[in-house]
C-alpha atoms as a PDB file:
ATOM      1  CA  MET A   1     -30.662 -24.047  -3.348  1.00  0.00           C
ATOM      2  CA  PRO A   2     -28.672 -23.878  -6.622  1.00  0.00           C
ATOM      3  CA  THR A   3     -25.690 -26.179  -6.959  1.00  0.00           C
ATOM      4  CA  LYS A   4     -22.416 -25.979  -8.896  1.00  0.00           C
ATOM      5  CA  THR A   5     -20.130 -28.905  -9.576  1.00  0.00           C
ATOM      6  CA  ILE A   6     -16.410 -28.199  -9.311  1.00  0.00           C
ATOM      7  CA  TYR A   7     -13.882 -30.597 -10.803  1.00  0.00           C
ATOM      8  CA  VAL A   8     -10.503 -30.721  -9.085  1.00  0.00           C
ATOM      9  CA  LYS A   9      -7.273 -32.040 -10.568  1.00  0.00           C
ATOM     10  CA  GLU A  10      -5.762 -34.982  -8.761  1.00  0.00           C
ATOM     11  CA  GLU A  11      -2.603 -32.997  -7.878  1.00  0.00           C
ATOM     12  CA  ASP A  12      -4.770 -30.272  -6.276  1.00  0.00           C
ATOM     13  CA  MET A  13      -6.643 -32.657  -3.979  1.00  0.00           C
ATOM     14  CA  PRO A  14      -4.289 -32.291  -0.962  1.00  0.00           C
ATOM     15  CA  ILE A  15      -5.007 -28.571  -0.649  1.00  0.00           C
ATOM     16  CA  PHE A  16      -8.753 -29.172  -0.925  1.00  0.00           C
ATOM     17  CA  GLU A  17      -8.552 -31.884   1.702  1.00  0.00           C
ATOM     18  CA  ARG A  18      -6.599 -29.580   4.013  1.00  0.00           C
ATOM     19  CA  ALA A  19      -9.160 -26.804   3.445  1.00  0.00           C
ATOM     20  CA  ALA A  20     -11.943 -29.301   4.317  1.00  0.00           C
ATOM     21  CA  GLU A  21     -10.152 -30.104   7.579  1.00  0.00           C
ATOM     22  CA  ILE A  22      -9.892 -26.437   8.495  1.00  0.00           C
ATOM     23  CA  ALA A  23     -13.436 -25.510   7.383  1.00  0.00           C
ATOM     24  CA  GLY A  24     -15.266 -28.507   8.765  1.00  0.00           C
ATOM     25  CA  ASP A  25     -17.838 -30.338   6.666  1.00  0.00           C
ATOM     26  CA  SER A  26     -18.332 -27.947   3.738  1.00  0.00           C
ATOM     27  CA  LEU A  27     -15.947 -26.192   1.392  1.00  0.00           C
ATOM     28  CA  SER A  28     -18.733 -24.087  -0.082  1.00  0.00           C
ATOM     29  CA  SER A  29     -18.049 -20.974   2.028  1.00  0.00           C
ATOM     30  CA  ILE A  30     -14.300 -21.153   1.417  1.00  0.00           C
ATOM     31  CA  ILE A  31     -14.742 -21.509  -2.325  1.00  0.00           C
ATOM     32  CA  THR A  32     -17.242 -18.627  -2.352  1.00  0.00           C
ATOM     33  CA  ASP A  33     -14.829 -16.433  -0.380  1.00  0.00           C
ATOM     34  CA  ALA A  34     -11.966 -17.328  -2.729  1.00  0.00           C
ATOM     35  CA  VAL A  35     -14.076 -16.560  -5.842  1.00  0.00           C
ATOM     36  CA  ARG A  36     -15.235 -13.279  -4.292  1.00  0.00           C
ATOM     37  CA  ASP A  37     -11.613 -12.265  -3.561  1.00  0.00           C
ATOM     38  CA  TYR A  38     -10.580 -13.274  -7.064  1.00  0.00           C
ATOM     39  CA  VAL A  39     -13.327 -11.163  -8.673  1.00  0.00           C
ATOM     40  CA  ARG A  40     -12.499  -8.179  -6.478  1.00  0.00           C
ATOM     41  CA  ARG A  41      -8.800  -8.446  -7.301  1.00  0.00           C
ATOM     42  CA  LYS A  42      -9.430  -8.738 -11.044  1.00  0.00           C
ATOM     43  CA  GLU A  43     -11.853  -5.826 -11.045  1.00  0.00           C
ATOM     44  CA  SER A  44      -9.300  -3.727  -9.164  1.00  0.00           C
ATOM     45  CA  GLU A  45      -6.535  -4.696 -11.601  1.00  0.00           C
ATOM     46  CA  ASP A  46      -8.790  -3.722 -14.524  1.00  0.00           C
ATOM     47  CA  SER A  47      -9.078  -0.253 -13.001  1.00  0.00           C
ATOM     48  CA  GLY A  48      -5.303   0.008 -12.590  1.00  0.00           C
ATOM     49  CA  MET A  49      -5.387  -0.820  -8.902  1.00  0.00           C
ATOM     50  CA  ARG A  50      -3.347  -3.573  -7.268  1.00  0.00           C
ATOM     51  CA  GLU A  51      -2.453  -4.836  -3.810  1.00  0.00           C
ATOM     52  CA  ILE A  52       0.109  -2.495  -2.225  1.00  0.00           C
ATOM     53  CA  ILE A  53       2.237  -3.824   0.669  1.00  0.00           C
ATOM     54  CA  LEU A  54       4.151  -1.356   2.816  1.00  0.00           C
ATOM     55  CA  GLU A  55       6.636  -2.189   5.557  1.00  0.00           C
ATOM     56  CA  ILE A  56       6.453   0.133   8.568  1.00  0.00           C
ATOM     57  CA  GLY A  57       8.375   0.365  11.795  1.00  0.00           C
ATOM     58  CA  THR A  58      12.000   0.814  12.773  1.00  0.00           C
ATOM     59  CA  TRP A  59      15.185  -0.641  11.303  1.00  0.00           C
ATOM     60  CA  PRO A  60      18.036  -0.211  13.766  1.00  0.00           C
ATOM     61  CA  ASN A  61      21.532   0.045  12.297  1.00  0.00           C
ATOM     62  CA  HIS A  62      22.422  -3.097  14.248  1.00  0.00           C
ATOM     63  CA  GLY A  63      20.178  -5.845  15.551  1.00  0.00           C
ATOM     64  CA  ASP A  64      16.649  -6.950  14.843  1.00  0.00           C
ATOM     65  CA  SER A  65      14.152  -4.692  13.148  1.00  0.00           C
ATOM     66  CA  ASN A  66      10.756  -3.899  14.652  1.00  0.00           C
ATOM     67  CA  THR A  67       8.595  -3.783  11.534  1.00  0.00           C
ATOM     68  CA  LYS A  68       5.298  -5.073  10.239  1.00  0.00           C
ATOM     69  CA  LYS A  69       3.631  -5.085   6.837  1.00  0.00           C
ATOM     70  CA  VAL A  70       0.337  -3.421   5.958  1.00  0.00           C
ATOM     71  CA  ALA A  71      -1.605  -3.963   2.727  1.00  0.00           C
ATOM     72  CA  PHE A  72      -4.369  -2.229   0.811  1.00  0.00           C
ATOM     73  CA  THR A  73      -5.678  -2.003  -2.738  1.00  0.00           C
ATOM     74  CA  GLY A  74      -4.672   1.123  -4.573  1.00  0.00           C
ATOM     75  CA  VAL A  75      -2.673   2.824  -7.281  1.00  0.00           C
ATOM     76  CA  SER A  76       0.538   4.817  -7.025  1.00  0.00           C
ATOM     77  CA  LEU A  77       0.162   8.537  -7.644  1.00  0.00           C
ATOM     78  CA  GLY A  78       3.864   9.296  -7.253  1.00  0.00           C
ATOM     79  CA  GLU A  79       7.092   8.798  -5.386  1.00  0.00           C
ATOM     80  CA  MET A  80      10.079  10.944  -4.511  1.00  0.00           C
ATOM     81  CA  THR A  81      13.341  10.744  -2.604  1.00  0.00           C
ATOM     82  CA  LEU A  82      14.779  13.769  -0.803  1.00  0.00           C
ATOM     83  CA  PHE A  83      18.439  13.561   0.190  1.00  0.00           C
ATOM     84  CA  LYS A  84      19.399  15.231   3.479  1.00  0.00           C
ATOM     85  CA  GLY A  85      22.900  13.919   4.018  1.00  0.00           C
ATOM     86  CA  GLN A  86      26.060  15.581   5.196  1.00  0.00           C
ATOM     87  CA  THR A  87      28.477  14.115   2.659  1.00  0.00           C
ATOM     88  CA  ASN A  88      29.322  15.861  -0.612  1.00  0.00           C
ATOM     89  CA  SER A  89      26.873  13.666  -2.457  1.00  0.00           C
ATOM     90  CA  ARG A  90      24.226  14.168   0.283  1.00  0.00           C
ATOM     91  CA  ASP A  91      23.076  10.560  -0.250  1.00  0.00           C
ATOM     92  CA  ASP A  92      23.930   9.319   3.246  1.00  0.00           C
ATOM     93  CA  ARG A  93      20.536  10.297   4.696  1.00  0.00           C
ATOM     94  CA  GLY A  94      17.166  10.768   3.105  1.00  0.00           C
ATOM     95  CA  VAL A  95      13.414  10.439   3.029  1.00  0.00           C
ATOM     96  CA  ASP A  96      11.528   8.288   0.541  1.00  0.00           C
ATOM     97  CA  TRP A  97       7.987   9.487  -0.103  1.00  0.00           C
ATOM     98  CA  GLU A  98       5.184   7.503  -1.809  1.00  0.00           C
ATOM     99  CA  LEU A  99       1.580   8.589  -2.358  1.00  0.00           C
ATOM    100  CA  TYR A 100      -1.303   6.239  -3.218  1.00  0.00           C
ATOM    101  CA  LEU A 101      -4.973   6.467  -4.026  1.00  0.00           C
ATOM    102  CA  THR A 102      -6.927   3.627  -2.417  1.00  0.00           C
ATOM    103  CA  LYS A 103      -9.847   1.673  -3.780  1.00  0.00           C
ATOM    104  CA  LYS A 104     -12.139   3.535  -1.347  1.00  0.00           C
ATOM    105  CA  GLY A 105     -10.957   6.986  -2.474  1.00  0.00           C
ATOM    106  CA  LYS A 106      -8.620   7.737   0.417  1.00  0.00           C
ATOM    107  CA  TYR A 107      -4.941   8.704   0.086  1.00  0.00           C
ATOM    108  CA  VAL A 108      -2.052   6.937   1.733  1.00  0.00           C
ATOM    109  CA  VAL A 109       1.209   8.814   2.272  1.00  0.00           C
ATOM    110  CA  TYR A 110       4.143   6.532   2.975  1.00  0.00           C
ATOM    111  CA  ARG A 111       7.310   8.055   4.448  1.00  0.00           C
ATOM    112  CA  ARG A 112      10.583   6.176   4.999  1.00  0.00           C
ATOM    113  CA  VAL A 113      13.335   8.091   6.769  1.00  0.00           C
ATOM    114  CA  TRP A 114      16.679   6.379   6.274  1.00  0.00           C
ATOM    115  CA  SER A 115      20.326   6.769   7.192  1.00  0.00           C
ATOM    116  CA  ARG A 116      23.513   5.044   6.173  1.00  0.00           C
ATOM    117  CA  TRP A 117      25.350   6.353   9.238  1.00  0.00           C
ATOM    118  CA  GLN A 118      26.421   4.039  12.034  1.00  0.00           C
ATOM    119  CA  ASN A 119      24.151   3.931  15.077  1.00  0.00           C
ATOM    120  CA  GLU A 120      21.334   5.774  13.276  1.00  0.00           C
ATOM    121  CA  SER A 121      18.063   3.900  12.814  1.00  0.00           C
ATOM    122  CA  SER A 122      15.751   4.151   9.860  1.00  0.00           C
ATOM    123  CA  TYR A 123      11.952   4.108  10.175  1.00  0.00           C
ATOM    124  CA  ALA A 124       8.848   4.124   8.030  1.00  0.00           C
ATOM    125  CA  GLU A 125       5.262   5.163   8.708  1.00  0.00           C
ATOM    126  CA  TYR A 126       2.079   5.882   6.769  1.00  0.00           C
ATOM    127  CA  TYR A 127      -0.748   8.404   7.002  1.00  0.00           C
ATOM    128  CA  ILE A 128      -4.288   8.053   5.681  1.00  0.00           C
ATOM    129  CA  LEU A 129      -5.864  11.189   4.258  1.00  0.00           C
ATOM    130  CA  ASP A 130      -9.394  11.987   3.095  1.00  0.00           C
ATOM    131  CA  GLU A 131      -8.048  14.436   0.544  1.00  0.00           C
ATOM    132  CA  LEU A 132      -4.759  15.697  -0.808  1.00  0.00           C
ATOM    133  CA  PRO A 133      -3.221  18.488   1.248  1.00  0.00           C
ATOM    134  CA  GLY A 134      -3.854  22.127   0.363  1.00  0.00           C
ATOM    135  CA  THR A 135      -1.345  24.609  -0.952  1.00  0.00           C
ATOM    136  CA  ASP A 136       0.744  24.409   2.237  1.00  0.00           C
ATOM    137  CA  ASN A 137       1.257  20.619   1.662  1.00  0.00           C
ATOM    138  CA  MET A 138       0.934  19.997   5.438  1.00  0.00           C
ATOM    139  CA  ILE A 139      -0.733  16.941   6.937  1.00  0.00           C
ATOM    140  CA  LYS A 140      -1.530  16.225  10.560  1.00  0.00           C
ATOM    141  CA  THR A 141      -0.144  12.971  12.004  1.00  0.00           C
ATOM    142  CA  LYS A 142      -1.864  10.688  14.497  1.00  0.00           C
ATOM    143  CA  ASP A 143       0.264  12.331  17.183  1.00  0.00           C
ATOM    144  CA  GLY A 144      -1.077  15.767  16.332  1.00  0.00           C
ATOM    145  CA  GLU A 145       2.180  16.885  14.706  1.00  0.00           C
ATOM    146  CA  TYR A 146       2.259  18.485  11.290  1.00  0.00           C
ATOM    147  CA  ILE A 147       4.632  17.343   8.551  1.00  0.00           C
ATOM    148  CA  GLU A 148       5.096  18.733   5.092  1.00  0.00           C
ATOM    149  CA  ILE A 149       4.738  16.528   2.045  1.00  0.00           C
ATOM    150  CA  PRO A 150       7.024  17.544  -0.826  1.00  0.00           C
ATOM    151  CA  ALA A 151       5.180  19.930  -3.132  1.00  0.00           C
ATOM    152  CA  GLY A 152       6.462  18.094  -6.200  1.00  0.00           C
ATOM    153  CA  LEU A 153       4.933  14.857  -4.983  1.00  0.00           C
ATOM    154  CA  VAL A 154       1.561  16.446  -4.363  1.00  0.00           C
ATOM    155  CA  GLN A 155       1.650  18.146  -7.796  1.00  0.00           C
ATOM    156  CA  THR A 156       2.560  14.852  -9.536  1.00  0.00           C
ATOM    157  CA  ALA A 157      -0.319  13.139  -7.686  1.00  0.00           C
ATOM    158  CA  ARG A 158      -2.794  15.837  -8.741  1.00  0.00           C
ATOM    159  CA  GLU A 159      -1.694  15.578 -12.381  1.00  0.00           C
ATOM    160  CA  LYS A 160      -1.869  11.771 -12.393  1.00  0.00           C
ATOM    161  CA  GLU A 161      -5.198  11.757 -10.620  1.00  0.00           C
ATOM    162  CA  GLY A 162      -6.576  14.190 -13.197  1.00  0.00           C
ATOM    163  CA  ARG A 163      -5.715  11.729 -15.965  1.00  0.00           C
ATOM    164  CA  MET A 164      -7.469   8.962 -14.032  1.00  0.00           C
ATOM    165  CA  VAL A 165     -10.802  10.790 -14.007  1.00  0.00           C
ATOM    166  CA  GLU A 166     -13.060  10.235 -16.992  1.00  0.00           C
ATOM    167  CA  ILE A 167     -14.283  13.536 -18.333  1.00  0.00           C
ATOM    168  CA  LEU A 168     -17.887  13.317 -19.490  1.00  0.00           C
ATOM    169  CA  ASP A 169     -18.840  15.465 -22.442  1.00  0.00           C
ATOM    170  CA  ILE A 170     -22.285  16.467 -21.125  1.00  0.00           C
END
């Protein structure tokens, strides 16, 4: 079996000792996993992709929120805010939209519905798509409901995605 010697700085020894406690006798599998993750991250960064973290759930106007974070590797294809408020400026309620292309070629639509009104909660959710929506811009949710993604967001995503594709002159 091939071997590789790794030199560790004195100040880094506590973390290696803690990892050894957690892993048992050998650090080899932990180091291999860390190197594999590092290579995957760097290769993704080189292609313009990065780790995306989204917060989903409900934010009540008062009290504790009920949210969690989800993460994936991808690139942003666009974002948009639609204001739906009742004040003159209409900025008291709205929907933030974000659209991503994932490392595996799927699309993630992130929607955050927010309000600045008392006693109105805000919430965020995401949808995973195999392809961008058609001309109607409708997607089907997990609950079987249909929602419409803003046409401008889909158009921006299509344009950006087109620039991301290498055109071969063959």
